[in-house]
Amino acid sequence: MSYKNIEQIPSLIQELYSIVNKLELAYEGRKFTLDGHLVGSIGEVLVSYYYDVELLPPSTEKHDARTKDDKLVQIKATQGSSVGLRSEPDYLIVIKILPNGSIEEVYNGPGINAWDRSGKMQKNGQRAISVGILKKLMYDVPQNMHIPKIR
């Protein structure tokens, strides 16, 4: 994957948030959240760049990327207060995309930790886990169990 335009992502995200703000002002009471595939795809590209992981083909079951040493990683991105898991990944990286286009690492470690603390399976086939719980779980993950952030 080429990262020649990666430096544009923060300003593009800022533009998206600006558009969301304009829509919400124009249509009071309506929320125009950036979610679903858009946030997921942005998160995958950012994680692949910052952690130097190779993205798997879109819609690959269970995992989104592979590390140089063959660890399989599920990538979750949010701008909210939780993420949904469909299955227990080998490794999990969760980031929060901030309005200024930067990212906050919420969780980085074995997927079992998050899977075991996620809620009951919902009708949409996902188990939700809050950003707060993920941050607490992150404190217990030894540094050698993190996928290293390269950039």
C-alpha atoms as a PDB file:
ATOM      1  CA  MET A   1       0.000   0.000   0.000  1.00  0.00           C
ATOM      2  CA  SER A   2       1.305   3.444  -0.879  1.00  0.00           C
ATOM      3  CA  TYR A   3       1.308   6.085   1.852  1.00  0.00           C
ATOM      4  CA  LYS A   4       2.380   9.022  -0.309  1.00  0.00           C
ATOM      5  CA  ASN A   5      -0.773  10.981   0.669  1.00  0.00           C
ATOM      6  CA  ILE A   6      -1.003   9.881   4.311  1.00  0.00           C
ATOM      7  CA  GLU A   7      -0.242  13.399   5.555  1.00  0.00           C
ATOM      8  CA  GLN A   8      -3.536  14.558   3.997  1.00  0.00           C
ATOM      9  CA  ILE A   9      -5.688  12.375   6.254  1.00  0.00           C
ATOM     10  CA  PRO A  10      -5.794  14.712   9.298  1.00  0.00           C
ATOM     11  CA  SER A  11      -6.949  17.688   7.206  1.00  0.00           C
ATOM     12  CA  LEU A  12      -9.485  15.534   5.340  1.00  0.00           C
ATOM     13  CA  ILE A  13     -10.885  14.290   8.653  1.00  0.00           C
ATOM     14  CA  GLN A  14     -11.130  17.891   9.854  1.00  0.00           C
ATOM     15  CA  GLU A  15     -13.101  18.695   6.680  1.00  0.00           C
ATOM     16  CA  LEU A  16     -15.459  15.769   7.369  1.00  0.00           C
ATOM     17  CA  TYR A  17     -16.095  17.018  10.901  1.00  0.00           C
ATOM     18  CA  SER A  18     -16.684  20.531   9.568  1.00  0.00           C
ATOM     19  CA  ILE A  19     -19.311  19.173   7.158  1.00  0.00           C
ATOM     20  CA  VAL A  20     -20.933  17.194   9.998  1.00  0.00           C
ATOM     21  CA  ASN A  21     -21.110  20.358  12.119  1.00  0.00           C
ATOM     22  CA  LYS A  22     -22.729  22.303   9.258  1.00  0.00           C
ATOM     23  CA  LEU A  23     -25.306  19.549   8.699  1.00  0.00           C
ATOM     24  CA  GLU A  24     -26.139  19.388  12.404  1.00  0.00           C
ATOM     25  CA  LEU A  25     -26.574  23.184  12.548  1.00  0.00           C
ATOM     26  CA  ALA A  26     -28.765  23.135   9.451  1.00  0.00           C
ATOM     27  CA  TYR A  27     -30.932  20.264  10.688  1.00  0.00           C
ATOM     28  CA  GLU A  28     -31.255  20.811  14.420  1.00  0.00           C
ATOM     29  CA  GLY A  29     -31.912  17.672  16.405  1.00  0.00           C
ATOM     30  CA  ARG A  30     -30.381  15.361  13.771  1.00  0.00           C
ATOM     31  CA  LYS A  31     -27.027  13.665  14.263  1.00  0.00           C
ATOM     32  CA  PHE A  32     -24.723  13.113  11.304  1.00  0.00           C
ATOM     33  CA  THR A  33     -22.132  10.822  12.828  1.00  0.00           C
ATOM     34  CA  LEU A  34     -19.166   9.514  10.916  1.00  0.00           C
ATOM     35  CA  ASP A  35     -19.534   5.785  11.365  1.00  0.00           C
ATOM     36  CA  GLY A  36     -19.715   2.425   9.710  1.00  0.00           C
ATOM     37  CA  HIS A  37     -17.491   1.704   6.750  1.00  0.00           C
ATOM     38  CA  LEU A  38     -16.104   5.241   6.533  1.00  0.00           C
ATOM     39  CA  VAL A  39     -14.639   5.305  10.040  1.00  0.00           C
ATOM     40  CA  GLY A  40     -13.610   1.646   9.758  1.00  0.00           C
ATOM     41  CA  SER A  41     -11.733   2.188   6.502  1.00  0.00           C
ATOM     42  CA  ILE A  42     -10.042   5.340   7.797  1.00  0.00           C
ATOM     43  CA  GLY A  43      -9.007   3.418  10.908  1.00  0.00           C
ATOM     44  CA  GLU A  44      -7.602   0.525   8.897  1.00  0.00           C
ATOM     45  CA  VAL A  45      -5.490   2.829   6.723  1.00  0.00           C
ATOM     46  CA  LEU A  46      -4.180   4.771   9.728  1.00  0.00           C
ATOM     47  CA  VAL A  47      -3.345   1.633  11.720  1.00  0.00           C
ATOM     48  CA  SER A  48      -1.676   0.028   8.727  1.00  0.00           C
ATOM     49  CA  TYR A  49       0.541   3.119   8.394  1.00  0.00           C
ATOM     50  CA  TYR A  50       1.323   3.740  12.079  1.00  0.00           C
ATOM     51  CA  TYR A  51       1.844   0.081  13.009  1.00  0.00           C
ATOM     52  CA  ASP A  52       3.280  -1.072   9.662  1.00  0.00           C
ATOM     53  CA  VAL A  53       0.793  -3.917   9.237  1.00  0.00           C
ATOM     54  CA  GLU A  54      -0.391  -5.336   5.923  1.00  0.00           C
ATOM     55  CA  LEU A  55      -4.112  -4.975   5.336  1.00  0.00           C
ATOM     56  CA  LEU A  56      -5.950  -8.136   4.334  1.00  0.00           C
ATOM     57  CA  PRO A  57      -8.579  -7.993   1.557  1.00  0.00           C
ATOM     58  CA  PRO A  58     -11.748  -6.097   2.558  1.00  0.00           C
ATOM     59  CA  SER A  59     -14.382  -8.185   4.385  1.00  0.00           C
ATOM     60  CA  THR A  60     -11.862 -10.835   5.448  1.00  0.00           C
ATOM     61  CA  GLU A  61     -13.505 -12.690   8.309  1.00  0.00           C
ATOM     62  CA  LYS A  62     -12.261 -11.970  11.847  1.00  0.00           C
ATOM     63  CA  HIS A  63      -9.036 -10.048  11.058  1.00  0.00           C
ATOM     64  CA  ASP A  64      -8.120  -6.940   9.076  1.00  0.00           C
ATOM     65  CA  ALA A  65      -4.324  -7.078   8.978  1.00  0.00           C
ATOM     66  CA  ARG A  66      -1.182  -9.157   9.405  1.00  0.00           C
ATOM     67  CA  THR A  67       2.027  -8.055  11.116  1.00  0.00           C
ATOM     68  CA  LYS A  68       5.493  -8.687   9.674  1.00  0.00           C
ATOM     69  CA  ASP A  69       5.816 -11.619  12.093  1.00  0.00           C
ATOM     70  CA  ASP A  70       2.447 -13.104  10.994  1.00  0.00           C
ATOM     71  CA  LYS A  71       0.220 -12.020  13.882  1.00  0.00           C
ATOM     72  CA  LEU A  72      -3.381 -11.530  12.799  1.00  0.00           C
ATOM     73  CA  VAL A  73      -4.941  -8.249  13.926  1.00  0.00           C
ATOM     74  CA  GLN A  74      -8.478  -6.951  14.021  1.00  0.00           C
ATOM     75  CA  ILE A  75      -8.655  -3.156  13.710  1.00  0.00           C
ATOM     76  CA  LYS A  76     -11.480  -1.148  15.217  1.00  0.00           C
ATOM     77  CA  ALA A  77     -11.898   2.600  14.945  1.00  0.00           C
ATOM     78  CA  THR A  78     -14.450   4.752  16.680  1.00  0.00           C
ATOM     79  CA  GLN A  79     -15.340   8.335  17.251  1.00  0.00           C
ATOM     80  CA  GLY A  80     -17.753   7.318  19.974  1.00  0.00           C
ATOM     81  CA  SER A  81     -17.731   5.458  23.251  1.00  0.00           C
ATOM     82  CA  SER A  82     -17.707   1.806  22.161  1.00  0.00           C
ATOM     83  CA  VAL A  83     -16.859  -0.706  19.438  1.00  0.00           C
ATOM     84  CA  GLY A  84     -18.493  -3.956  18.381  1.00  0.00           C
ATOM     85  CA  LEU A  85     -16.763  -7.310  18.055  1.00  0.00           C
ATOM     86  CA  ARG A  86     -18.175 -10.181  15.978  1.00  0.00           C
ATOM     87  CA  SER A  87     -15.641 -12.773  17.105  1.00  0.00           C
ATOM     88  CA  GLU A  88     -12.537 -13.192  19.227  1.00  0.00           C
ATOM     89  CA  PRO A  89      -9.536 -11.881  17.267  1.00  0.00           C
ATOM     90  CA  ASP A  90      -5.960 -13.028  17.845  1.00  0.00           C
ATOM     91  CA  TYR A  91      -4.861  -9.413  18.397  1.00  0.00           C
ATOM     92  CA  LEU A  92      -6.887  -6.230  18.563  1.00  0.00           C
ATOM     93  CA  ILE A  93      -5.999  -2.594  17.978  1.00  0.00           C
ATOM     94  CA  VAL A  94      -8.702  -0.044  18.772  1.00  0.00           C
ATOM     95  CA  ILE A  95      -8.195   3.623  17.961  1.00  0.00           C
ATOM     96  CA  LYS A  96     -10.324   6.676  18.487  1.00  0.00           C
ATOM     97  CA  ILE A  97     -10.288   9.133  15.587  1.00  0.00           C
ATOM     98  CA  LEU A  98     -10.265  12.649  16.974  1.00  0.00           C
ATOM     99  CA  PRO A  99     -11.841  15.691  15.260  1.00  0.00           C
ATOM    100  CA  ASN A 100      -8.390  17.180  14.569  1.00  0.00           C
ATOM    101  CA  GLY A 101      -7.520  14.084  12.506  1.00  0.00           C
ATOM    102  CA  SER A 102      -5.144  12.530  15.026  1.00  0.00           C
ATOM    103  CA  ILE A 103      -5.683   9.162  16.677  1.00  0.00           C
ATOM    104  CA  GLU A 104      -5.741   7.942  20.247  1.00  0.00           C
ATOM    105  CA  GLU A 105      -4.736   4.357  20.902  1.00  0.00           C
ATOM    106  CA  VAL A 106      -7.482   2.881  23.072  1.00  0.00           C
ATOM    107  CA  TYR A 107      -6.420  -0.764  23.144  1.00  0.00           C
ATOM    108  CA  ASN A 108      -3.532  -2.767  21.714  1.00  0.00           C
ATOM    109  CA  GLY A 109      -3.078  -6.378  22.699  1.00  0.00           C
ATOM    110  CA  PRO A 110      -4.511  -9.893  22.730  1.00  0.00           C
ATOM    111  CA  GLY A 111      -8.063 -10.064  21.479  1.00  0.00           C
ATOM    112  CA  ILE A 112      -9.190 -12.473  24.181  1.00  0.00           C
ATOM    113  CA  ASN A 113      -8.948  -9.747  26.848  1.00  0.00           C
ATOM    114  CA  ALA A 114     -11.494  -7.570  25.041  1.00  0.00           C
ATOM    115  CA  TRP A 115     -13.672 -10.475  23.905  1.00  0.00           C
ATOM    116  CA  ASP A 116     -13.990 -11.809  27.450  1.00  0.00           C
ATOM    117  CA  ARG A 117     -15.091  -8.377  28.740  1.00  0.00           C
ATOM    118  CA  SER A 118     -17.474  -7.521  25.887  1.00  0.00           C
ATOM    119  CA  GLY A 119     -21.243  -7.664  26.348  1.00  0.00           C
ATOM    120  CA  LYS A 120     -23.778 -10.223  25.201  1.00  0.00           C
ATOM    121  CA  MET A 121     -24.263 -10.888  21.499  1.00  0.00           C
ATOM    122  CA  GLN A 122     -26.669  -8.321  20.054  1.00  0.00           C
ATOM    123  CA  LYS A 123     -29.158  -8.744  17.211  1.00  0.00           C
ATOM    124  CA  ASN A 124     -26.602  -7.274  14.793  1.00  0.00           C
ATOM    125  CA  GLY A 125     -24.183 -10.128  15.564  1.00  0.00           C
ATOM    126  CA  GLN A 126     -21.798  -7.984  17.585  1.00  0.00           C
ATOM    127  CA  ARG A 127     -20.764  -7.795  21.203  1.00  0.00           C
ATOM    128  CA  ALA A 128     -20.170  -4.227  22.354  1.00  0.00           C
ATOM    129  CA  ILE A 129     -17.311  -3.099  24.568  1.00  0.00           C
ATOM    130  CA  SER A 130     -16.829   0.432  25.804  1.00  0.00           C
ATOM    131  CA  VAL A 131     -13.778   2.592  25.205  1.00  0.00           C
ATOM    132  CA  GLY A 132     -13.523   3.009  28.980  1.00  0.00           C
ATOM    133  CA  ILE A 133     -13.253  -0.740  29.580  1.00  0.00           C
ATOM    134  CA  LEU A 134     -10.746  -1.083  26.745  1.00  0.00           C
ATOM    135  CA  LYS A 135      -8.561   1.656  28.253  1.00  0.00           C
ATOM    136  CA  LYS A 136      -8.624  -0.129  31.626  1.00  0.00           C
ATOM    137  CA  LEU A 137      -7.736  -3.446  29.966  1.00  0.00           C
ATOM    138  CA  MET A 138      -4.830  -1.756  28.187  1.00  0.00           C
ATOM    139  CA  TYR A 139      -3.112  -1.077  31.535  1.00  0.00           C
ATOM    140  CA  ASP A 140      -2.804  -4.824  32.100  1.00  0.00           C
ATOM    141  CA  VAL A 141      -1.290  -5.631  28.702  1.00  0.00           C
ATOM    142  CA  PRO A 142       2.499  -6.035  28.984  1.00  0.00           C
ATOM    143  CA  GLN A 143       4.467  -3.972  26.463  1.00  0.00           C
ATOM    144  CA  ASN A 144       5.774  -7.127  24.766  1.00  0.00           C
ATOM    145  CA  MET A 145       2.162  -8.089  23.942  1.00  0.00           C
ATOM    146  CA  HIS A 146       1.500  -4.855  22.016  1.00  0.00           C
ATOM    147  CA  ILE A 147       1.728  -4.587  18.258  1.00  0.00           C
ATOM    148  CA  PRO A 148       4.570  -2.034  18.045  1.00  0.00           C
ATOM    149  CA  LYS A 149       3.741   1.428  16.778  1.00  0.00           C
ATOM    150  CA  ILE A 150       6.376   2.183  14.139  1.00  0.00           C
ATOM    151  CA  ARG A 151       5.484   5.755  13.151  1.00  0.00           C
END
